[in-house]
Protein backbone atom coordinates (compact mmCIF):
# COMPACT_ATOMS: atom_id res chain seq x y z
CA MET A 1 62.76 -36.00 -21.09
CA SER A 2 63.76 -39.53 -21.60
CA SER A 3 61.30 -42.37 -21.30
CA GLU A 4 63.38 -43.91 -18.50
CA THR A 5 62.58 -41.26 -15.90
CA GLN A 6 60.37 -42.44 -13.10
CA VAL A 7 57.17 -40.59 -12.48
CA ASN A 8 56.34 -40.02 -8.82
CA THR A 9 52.88 -41.47 -8.55
CA PRO A 10 51.33 -42.53 -5.25
CA ASN A 11 52.26 -46.14 -6.01
CA THR A 12 55.95 -45.51 -6.67
CA ARG A 13 56.70 -42.74 -4.20
CA THR A 14 58.16 -43.88 -0.91
CA SER A 15 56.06 -43.03 2.07
CA ARG A 16 57.51 -40.97 4.89
CA ARG A 17 55.32 -42.76 7.37
CA THR A 18 56.92 -46.01 8.26
CA LYS A 19 55.73 -48.58 10.69
CA PRO A 20 57.61 -48.48 13.99
CA SER A 21 60.16 -51.19 14.42
CA GLY A 22 59.53 -53.99 16.88
CA ALA A 23 61.89 -52.43 19.41
CA ARG A 24 60.10 -49.10 19.29
CA ARG A 25 56.72 -50.79 19.63
CA ALA A 26 57.96 -52.74 22.64
CA ARG A 27 59.17 -49.56 24.32
CA ARG A 28 55.77 -47.99 23.88
CA ARG A 29 54.10 -50.90 25.65
CA GLU A 30 56.47 -50.58 28.60
CA LEU A 31 55.48 -46.98 29.25
CA ARG A 32 53.04 -46.75 32.09
CA PRO A 33 52.33 -44.21 34.76
CA LYS A 34 54.03 -44.39 38.13
CA PHE A 35 50.86 -43.29 39.94
CA ILE A 36 47.20 -43.53 38.98
CA SER A 37 44.09 -42.13 40.59
CA ILE A 38 41.80 -44.19 42.80
CA LEU A 39 39.16 -44.28 40.07
CA GLU A 40 41.70 -45.42 37.47
CA ALA A 41 42.84 -48.16 39.85
CA CYS A 42 39.22 -49.27 40.30
CA ASP A 43 38.79 -49.41 36.53
CA TYR A 44 42.08 -51.28 36.12
CA LEU A 45 41.04 -53.90 38.68
CA SER A 46 37.35 -53.89 37.64
CA VAL A 47 36.13 -53.28 41.17
CA SER A 48 33.91 -50.68 42.78
CA ARG A 49 35.30 -47.79 44.81
CA ALA A 50 33.75 -49.20 47.98
CA PHE A 51 35.43 -52.58 47.42
CA PHE A 52 38.72 -50.86 46.63
CA TYR A 53 38.72 -48.87 49.87
CA ASP A 54 37.52 -51.83 51.92
CA LYS A 55 39.71 -54.68 50.63
CA ILE A 56 42.45 -53.36 48.35
CA ALA A 57 43.53 -49.99 49.75
CA PRO A 58 45.13 -51.52 52.85
CA LYS A 59 47.29 -53.72 50.60
CA VAL A 60 48.58 -51.09 48.14
CA ARG A 61 50.74 -48.01 48.50
CA ILE A 62 48.71 -44.78 48.38
CA VAL A 63 50.51 -41.44 48.09
CA LYS A 64 48.99 -38.05 48.81
CA ILE A 65 50.02 -35.30 46.42
CA GLY A 66 48.27 -32.15 47.52
CA ARG A 67 44.66 -33.14 48.03
CA ARG A 68 44.81 -36.05 45.61
CA SER A 69 45.28 -39.66 46.64
CA LEU A 70 47.22 -41.63 44.04
CA VAL A 71 47.93 -45.35 43.91
CA ASP A 72 51.43 -46.60 43.14
CA PHE A 73 50.92 -48.63 39.95
CA ASP A 74 53.67 -51.10 40.88
CA SER A 75 51.90 -51.97 44.11
CA LEU A 76 48.83 -53.02 42.11
CA GLY A 77 50.97 -55.56 40.27
CA GLU A 78 52.18 -56.99 43.56
CA LEU A 79 48.61 -57.90 44.56
CA GLY A 80 48.71 -60.98 42.35
CA GLU A 81 51.97 -62.27 43.78
């Protein structure tokens, strides 16, 4: 072997794991659920379930899927407008 050959040590080997590009990272942040449960909505808004049903539920869109009641996530964003 010649002395010019490169030895693959951890410092010189290229890593297969690369950091995601800015565009990929931005796409990940945009992903959000269309519907969330009542408890998840309460956590998101930092309110109790009683307060949610009393004051917020009449103002947001709630969808029944089977026996579950789910809140439309977009309607939560419209509360601040």
